Amino acid sequence: NRKFTHLIVLSEKSKVCNGMLISHLRPSSAANGLGGPTAFFKISNVIPSTDVPNNGSATSHVPELNLHGFTTRLGHRAGRFLGSLFPHNAQFQGRQVATFHNQRDFIFVRHHRYVFHEGKQVNKETGKKKTKARLQELGPRFTMKMRWLQEGTFDTQFGEYEWFHKRKEMDTTRRKFHL
């Protein structure tokens, strides 16, 4: 009734976040009524917004979304899933960007604002000062590693896993990546 799209459950150990469960909820008007997918991510290297150097403060604008490095079939699925966390109507006047960067199956999450400044150099052709762009990190920043992806909403007993990370089998070579 409240039109929630996702359920996010954070787990912690010693007051530090170490896991995140994200389950996509479908509206009750959906054809099959089932939700999903559901994914569990291991969280590491958490730096809160207050500890980010020269941080800015986030506004209530919907950020633009930047997904990078999700090239495999599973990567496309994970990227679309993470992209579904944000509404698809970015408010560009807020100049905020949420970035999910996949590198070696680790997903680096950053939140920035881009800022424009007039530079000191003058353009010879137009006579106007050159505009420079820079990024201001808003935070928080953290790293995620997907442990499993389940079809439908969270169900430990009868849930069907689309993908499950098996460390002993999958981490035998450092050259093969899954996302």
C-alpha atoms as a PDB file:
ATOM      1  CA  ASN A   1       0.000   0.000   0.000  1.00  0.00           C
ATOM      2  CA  ARG A   2       2.916   2.346   0.615  1.00  0.00           C
ATOM      3  CA  LYS A   3       4.473   1.606  -2.785  1.00  0.00           C
ATOM      4  CA  PHE A   4       7.832   0.385  -1.475  1.00  0.00           C
ATOM      5  CA  THR A   5       9.996  -1.087  -4.219  1.00  0.00           C
ATOM      6  CA  HIS A   6      12.820  -2.696  -2.218  1.00  0.00           C
ATOM      7  CA  LEU A   7      13.554  -4.090   1.216  1.00  0.00           C
ATOM      8  CA  ILE A   8      17.136  -3.585   2.410  1.00  0.00           C
ATOM      9  CA  VAL A   9      18.386  -5.333   5.541  1.00  0.00           C
ATOM     10  CA  LEU A  10      21.837  -4.448   6.870  1.00  0.00           C
ATOM     11  CA  SER A  11      23.774  -6.774   9.161  1.00  0.00           C
ATOM     12  CA  GLU A  12      26.572  -5.666  11.448  1.00  0.00           C
ATOM     13  CA  LYS A  13      29.303  -7.033  13.642  1.00  0.00           C
ATOM     14  CA  SER A  14      30.984  -4.908  16.317  1.00  0.00           C
ATOM     15  CA  LYS A  15      28.914  -1.898  15.170  1.00  0.00           C
ATOM     16  CA  VAL A  16      30.346  -2.099  11.634  1.00  0.00           C
ATOM     17  CA  CYS A  17      28.159  -3.007   8.664  1.00  0.00           C
ATOM     18  CA  ASN A  18      29.309  -6.291   7.120  1.00  0.00           C
ATOM     19  CA  GLY A  19      26.367  -7.508   5.014  1.00  0.00           C
ATOM     20  CA  MET A  20      23.419  -6.248   2.986  1.00  0.00           C
ATOM     21  CA  LEU A  21      20.367  -8.179   1.831  1.00  0.00           C
ATOM     22  CA  ILE A  22      18.355  -6.479  -0.930  1.00  0.00           C
ATOM     23  CA  SER A  23      15.009  -7.849  -2.023  1.00  0.00           C
ATOM     24  CA  HIS A  24      13.015  -6.329  -4.874  1.00  0.00           C
ATOM     25  CA  LEU A  25       9.309  -6.115  -4.096  1.00  0.00           C
ATOM     26  CA  ARG A  26       6.876  -6.209  -6.961  1.00  0.00           C
ATOM     27  CA  PRO A  27       3.640  -4.286  -6.730  1.00  0.00           C
ATOM     28  CA  SER A  28       0.578  -6.310  -5.804  1.00  0.00           C
ATOM     29  CA  SER A  29      -0.833  -5.568  -9.268  1.00  0.00           C
ATOM     30  CA  ALA A  30       1.967  -7.598 -10.928  1.00  0.00           C
ATOM     31  CA  ALA A  31       0.855 -10.574 -12.981  1.00  0.00           C
ATOM     32  CA  ASN A  32       2.459 -13.305 -10.885  1.00  0.00           C
ATOM     33  CA  GLY A  33       2.508 -11.371  -7.595  1.00  0.00           C
ATOM     34  CA  LEU A  34       6.001 -12.642  -6.866  1.00  0.00           C
ATOM     35  CA  GLY A  35       8.821 -10.353  -5.954  1.00  0.00           C
ATOM     36  CA  GLY A  36      12.463 -10.673  -6.605  1.00  0.00           C
ATOM     37  CA  PRO A  37      15.209 -11.068  -7.215  1.00  0.00           C
ATOM     38  CA  THR A  38      16.931 -11.075  -3.828  1.00  0.00           C
ATOM     39  CA  ALA A  39      20.681 -10.686  -3.409  1.00  0.00           C
ATOM     40  CA  PHE A  40      23.111 -10.806  -0.525  1.00  0.00           C
ATOM     41  CA  PHE A  41      26.281  -8.715  -0.581  1.00  0.00           C
ATOM     42  CA  LYS A  42      29.263  -8.817   1.750  1.00  0.00           C
ATOM     43  CA  ILE A  43      30.115  -5.217   2.727  1.00  0.00           C
ATOM     44  CA  SER A  44      33.648  -4.002   3.463  1.00  0.00           C
ATOM     45  CA  ASN A  45      35.664  -0.793   3.699  1.00  0.00           C
ATOM     46  CA  VAL A  46      32.750   1.279   4.972  1.00  0.00           C
ATOM     47  CA  ILE A  47      33.544   4.977   5.331  1.00  0.00           C
ATOM     48  CA  PRO A  48      30.611   7.076   6.584  1.00  0.00           C
ATOM     49  CA  SER A  49      29.821  10.435   4.992  1.00  0.00           C
ATOM     50  CA  THR A  50      31.249  12.337   7.961  1.00  0.00           C
ATOM     51  CA  ASP A  51      34.680  10.674   7.573  1.00  0.00           C
ATOM     52  CA  VAL A  52      35.048  11.356   3.834  1.00  0.00           C
ATOM     53  CA  PRO A  53      37.608  14.165   3.356  1.00  0.00           C
ATOM     54  CA  ASN A  54      36.149  17.420   1.967  1.00  0.00           C
ATOM     55  CA  ASN A  55      32.701  15.857   1.858  1.00  0.00           C
ATOM     56  CA  GLY A  56      29.587  17.698   0.824  1.00  0.00           C
ATOM     57  CA  SER A  57      26.068  17.148   2.033  1.00  0.00           C
ATOM     58  CA  ALA A  58      23.579  15.238  -0.083  1.00  0.00           C
ATOM     59  CA  THR A  59      20.288  16.804  -1.058  1.00  0.00           C
ATOM     60  CA  SER A  60      16.933  15.133  -1.611  1.00  0.00           C
ATOM     61  CA  HIS A  61      17.361  15.120  -5.404  1.00  0.00           C
ATOM     62  CA  VAL A  62      17.256  11.778  -7.204  1.00  0.00           C
ATOM     63  CA  PRO A  63      20.827  11.079  -8.388  1.00  0.00           C
ATOM     64  CA  GLU A  64      21.940  10.071 -11.837  1.00  0.00           C
ATOM     65  CA  LEU A  65      23.159   6.494 -12.015  1.00  0.00           C
ATOM     66  CA  ASN A  66      26.552   5.348 -13.297  1.00  0.00           C
ATOM     67  CA  LEU A  67      27.006   1.576 -13.737  1.00  0.00           C
ATOM     68  CA  HIS A  68      30.443   0.537 -14.936  1.00  0.00           C
ATOM     69  CA  GLY A  69      32.083  -2.832 -15.560  1.00  0.00           C
ATOM     70  CA  PHE A  70      29.045  -5.148 -15.460  1.00  0.00           C
ATOM     71  CA  THR A  71      29.923  -7.004 -18.653  1.00  0.00           C
ATOM     72  CA  THR A  72      28.983 -10.667 -18.160  1.00  0.00           C
ATOM     73  CA  ARG A  73      25.479 -12.082 -18.234  1.00  0.00           C
ATOM     74  CA  LEU A  74      25.418 -12.213 -14.429  1.00  0.00           C
ATOM     75  CA  GLY A  75      26.951  -8.733 -14.384  1.00  0.00           C
ATOM     76  CA  HIS A  76      24.114  -7.346 -16.516  1.00  0.00           C
ATOM     77  CA  ARG A  77      21.603  -8.932 -14.126  1.00  0.00           C
ATOM     78  CA  ALA A  78      23.381  -7.514 -11.063  1.00  0.00           C
ATOM     79  CA  GLY A  79      23.742  -4.074 -12.668  1.00  0.00           C
ATOM     80  CA  ARG A  80      20.063  -3.884 -13.582  1.00  0.00           C
ATOM     81  CA  PHE A  81      19.172  -5.045 -10.081  1.00  0.00           C
ATOM     82  CA  LEU A  82      21.308  -2.335  -8.463  1.00  0.00           C
ATOM     83  CA  GLY A  83      19.969   0.221 -10.937  1.00  0.00           C
ATOM     84  CA  SER A  84      16.420  -0.624  -9.907  1.00  0.00           C
ATOM     85  CA  LEU A  85      17.165   0.767  -6.428  1.00  0.00           C
ATOM     86  CA  PHE A  86      16.879   4.290  -7.833  1.00  0.00           C
ATOM     87  CA  PRO A  87      13.901   5.881  -9.608  1.00  0.00           C
ATOM     88  CA  HIS A  88      14.442   6.338 -13.337  1.00  0.00           C
ATOM     89  CA  ASN A  89      13.767  10.069 -13.279  1.00  0.00           C
ATOM     90  CA  ALA A  90      17.081  11.635 -12.324  1.00  0.00           C
ATOM     91  CA  GLN A  91      16.834  15.252 -11.184  1.00  0.00           C
ATOM     92  CA  PHE A  92      19.747  16.872 -12.982  1.00  0.00           C
ATOM     93  CA  GLN A  93      19.504  20.174 -11.102  1.00  0.00           C
ATOM     94  CA  GLY A  94      20.852  18.351  -8.013  1.00  0.00           C
ATOM     95  CA  ARG A  95      24.005  17.348  -9.997  1.00  0.00           C
ATOM     96  CA  GLN A  96      24.380  14.141  -7.939  1.00  0.00           C
ATOM     97  CA  VAL A  97      25.721  10.841  -9.245  1.00  0.00           C
ATOM     98  CA  ALA A  98      25.564   7.393  -7.632  1.00  0.00           C
ATOM     99  CA  THR A  99      28.311   5.150  -9.037  1.00  0.00           C
ATOM    100  CA  PHE A 100      28.494   1.353  -8.950  1.00  0.00           C
ATOM    101  CA  HIS A 101      31.883   0.331 -10.356  1.00  0.00           C
ATOM    102  CA  ASN A 102      32.546  -3.397 -10.807  1.00  0.00           C
ATOM    103  CA  GLN A 103      36.187  -4.391 -10.808  1.00  0.00           C
ATOM    104  CA  ARG A 104      37.377  -7.975 -10.212  1.00  0.00           C
ATOM    105  CA  ASP A 105      33.906  -8.910  -8.830  1.00  0.00           C
ATOM    106  CA  PHE A 106      34.083  -6.159  -6.199  1.00  0.00           C
ATOM    107  CA  ILE A 107      31.484  -3.407  -6.562  1.00  0.00           C
ATOM    108  CA  PHE A 108      32.745  -0.020  -5.407  1.00  0.00           C
ATOM    109  CA  VAL A 109      29.936   2.343  -4.393  1.00  0.00           C
ATOM    110  CA  ARG A 110      30.454   6.108  -4.439  1.00  0.00           C
ATOM    111  CA  HIS A 111      28.139   9.114  -4.253  1.00  0.00           C
ATOM    112  CA  HIS A 112      29.345  12.394  -5.822  1.00  0.00           C
ATOM    113  CA  ARG A 113      28.179  15.840  -6.815  1.00  0.00           C
ATOM    114  CA  TYR A 114      29.706  17.462  -9.855  1.00  0.00           C
ATOM    115  CA  VAL A 115      30.559  21.132  -9.515  1.00  0.00           C
ATOM    116  CA  PHE A 116      31.437  23.659 -12.235  1.00  0.00           C
ATOM    117  CA  HIS A 117      33.965  26.479 -11.707  1.00  0.00           C
ATOM    118  CA  GLU A 118      35.210  29.268 -13.941  1.00  0.00           C
ATOM    119  CA  GLY A 119      38.886  28.735 -14.559  1.00  0.00           C
ATOM    120  CA  LYS A 120      41.578  31.388 -14.746  1.00  0.00           C
ATOM    121  CA  GLN A 121      42.437  30.629 -18.370  1.00  0.00           C
ATOM    122  CA  VAL A 122      40.651  32.520 -21.119  1.00  0.00           C
ATOM    123  CA  ASN A 123      39.561  30.819 -24.333  1.00  0.00           C
ATOM    124  CA  LYS A 124      41.347  32.588 -27.208  1.00  0.00           C
ATOM    125  CA  GLU A 125      38.486  32.103 -29.676  1.00  0.00           C
ATOM    126  CA  THR A 126      35.533  33.243 -27.552  1.00  0.00           C
ATOM    127  CA  GLY A 127      37.261  35.453 -25.001  1.00  0.00           C
ATOM    128  CA  LYS A 128      35.382  33.734 -22.156  1.00  0.00           C
ATOM    129  CA  LYS A 129      36.904  32.017 -19.167  1.00  0.00           C
ATOM    130  CA  LYS A 130      37.121  28.232 -19.459  1.00  0.00           C
ATOM    131  CA  THR A 131      34.745  26.253 -17.273  1.00  0.00           C
ATOM    132  CA  LYS A 132      36.239  23.445 -15.230  1.00  0.00           C
ATOM    133  CA  ALA A 133      34.350  20.559 -13.680  1.00  0.00           C
ATOM    134  CA  ARG A 134      35.279  18.669 -10.527  1.00  0.00           C
ATOM    135  CA  LEU A 135      33.725  16.023  -8.302  1.00  0.00           C
ATOM    136  CA  GLN A 136      32.848  16.467  -4.648  1.00  0.00           C
ATOM    137  CA  GLU A 137      32.301  13.204  -2.808  1.00  0.00           C
ATOM    138  CA  LEU A 138      29.184  13.127  -0.650  1.00  0.00           C
ATOM    139  CA  GLY A 139      29.607   9.669   0.865  1.00  0.00           C
ATOM    140  CA  PRO A 140      29.223   7.126   2.198  1.00  0.00           C
ATOM    141  CA  ARG A 141      31.704   4.957   0.348  1.00  0.00           C
ATOM    142  CA  PHE A 142      31.895   1.188   0.625  1.00  0.00           C
ATOM    143  CA  THR A 143      32.699  -2.001  -1.272  1.00  0.00           C
ATOM    144  CA  MET A 144      30.296  -4.873  -1.977  1.00  0.00           C
ATOM    145  CA  LYS A 145      30.883  -8.459  -3.078  1.00  0.00           C
ATOM    146  CA  MET A 146      27.864 -10.466  -4.201  1.00  0.00           C
ATOM    147  CA  ARG A 147      27.568 -13.800  -2.411  1.00  0.00           C
ATOM    148  CA  TRP A 148      24.301 -15.055  -3.907  1.00  0.00           C
ATOM    149  CA  LEU A 149      21.376 -14.104  -6.108  1.00  0.00           C
ATOM    150  CA  GLN A 150      18.015 -15.726  -5.532  1.00  0.00           C
ATOM    151  CA  GLU A 151      14.955 -15.808  -7.739  1.00  0.00           C
ATOM    152  CA  GLY A 152      11.877 -14.328  -6.030  1.00  0.00           C
ATOM    153  CA  THR A 153      11.757 -12.887  -2.550  1.00  0.00           C
ATOM    154  CA  PHE A 154      13.945 -14.176   0.279  1.00  0.00           C
ATOM    155  CA  ASP A 155      13.203 -17.839   1.008  1.00  0.00           C
ATOM    156  CA  THR A 156      15.861 -19.974   2.713  1.00  0.00           C
ATOM    157  CA  GLN A 157      13.831 -23.177   2.575  1.00  0.00           C
ATOM    158  CA  PHE A 158      12.343 -23.316  -0.920  1.00  0.00           C
ATOM    159  CA  GLY A 159      14.121 -20.442  -2.700  1.00  0.00           C
ATOM    160  CA  GLU A 160      15.732 -21.082  -6.056  1.00  0.00           C
ATOM    161  CA  TYR A 161      19.234 -19.638  -6.326  1.00  0.00           C
ATOM    162  CA  GLU A 162      20.216 -18.181  -9.692  1.00  0.00           C
ATOM    163  CA  TRP A 163      23.838 -17.857  -8.622  1.00  0.00           C
ATOM    164  CA  PHE A 164      25.767 -18.792  -5.502  1.00  0.00           C
ATOM    165  CA  HIS A 165      29.419 -17.930  -4.881  1.00  0.00           C
ATOM    166  CA  LYS A 166      31.347 -21.086  -4.031  1.00  0.00           C
ATOM    167  CA  ARG A 167      34.723 -19.920  -2.760  1.00  0.00           C
ATOM    168  CA  LYS A 168      36.604 -23.220  -3.033  1.00  0.00           C
ATOM    169  CA  GLU A 169      35.453 -23.849  -6.623  1.00  0.00           C
ATOM    170  CA  MET A 170      35.209 -20.349  -8.087  1.00  0.00           C
ATOM    171  CA  ASP A 171      38.257 -18.660  -6.578  1.00  0.00           C
ATOM    172  CA  THR A 172      40.825 -21.114  -7.951  1.00  0.00           C
ATOM    173  CA  THR A 173      42.152 -18.634 -10.522  1.00  0.00           C
ATOM    174  CA  ARG A 174      42.564 -14.881 -10.222  1.00  0.00           C
ATOM    175  CA  ARG A 175      41.877 -14.371 -13.931  1.00  0.00           C
ATOM    176  CA  LYS A 176      38.227 -15.425 -14.062  1.00  0.00           C
ATOM    177  CA  PHE A 177      35.536 -13.076 -12.854  1.00  0.00           C
ATOM    178  CA  HIS A 178      31.804 -13.640 -12.639  1.00  0.00           C
ATOM    179  CA  LEU A 179      30.270 -10.160 -12.664  1.00  0.00           C
END
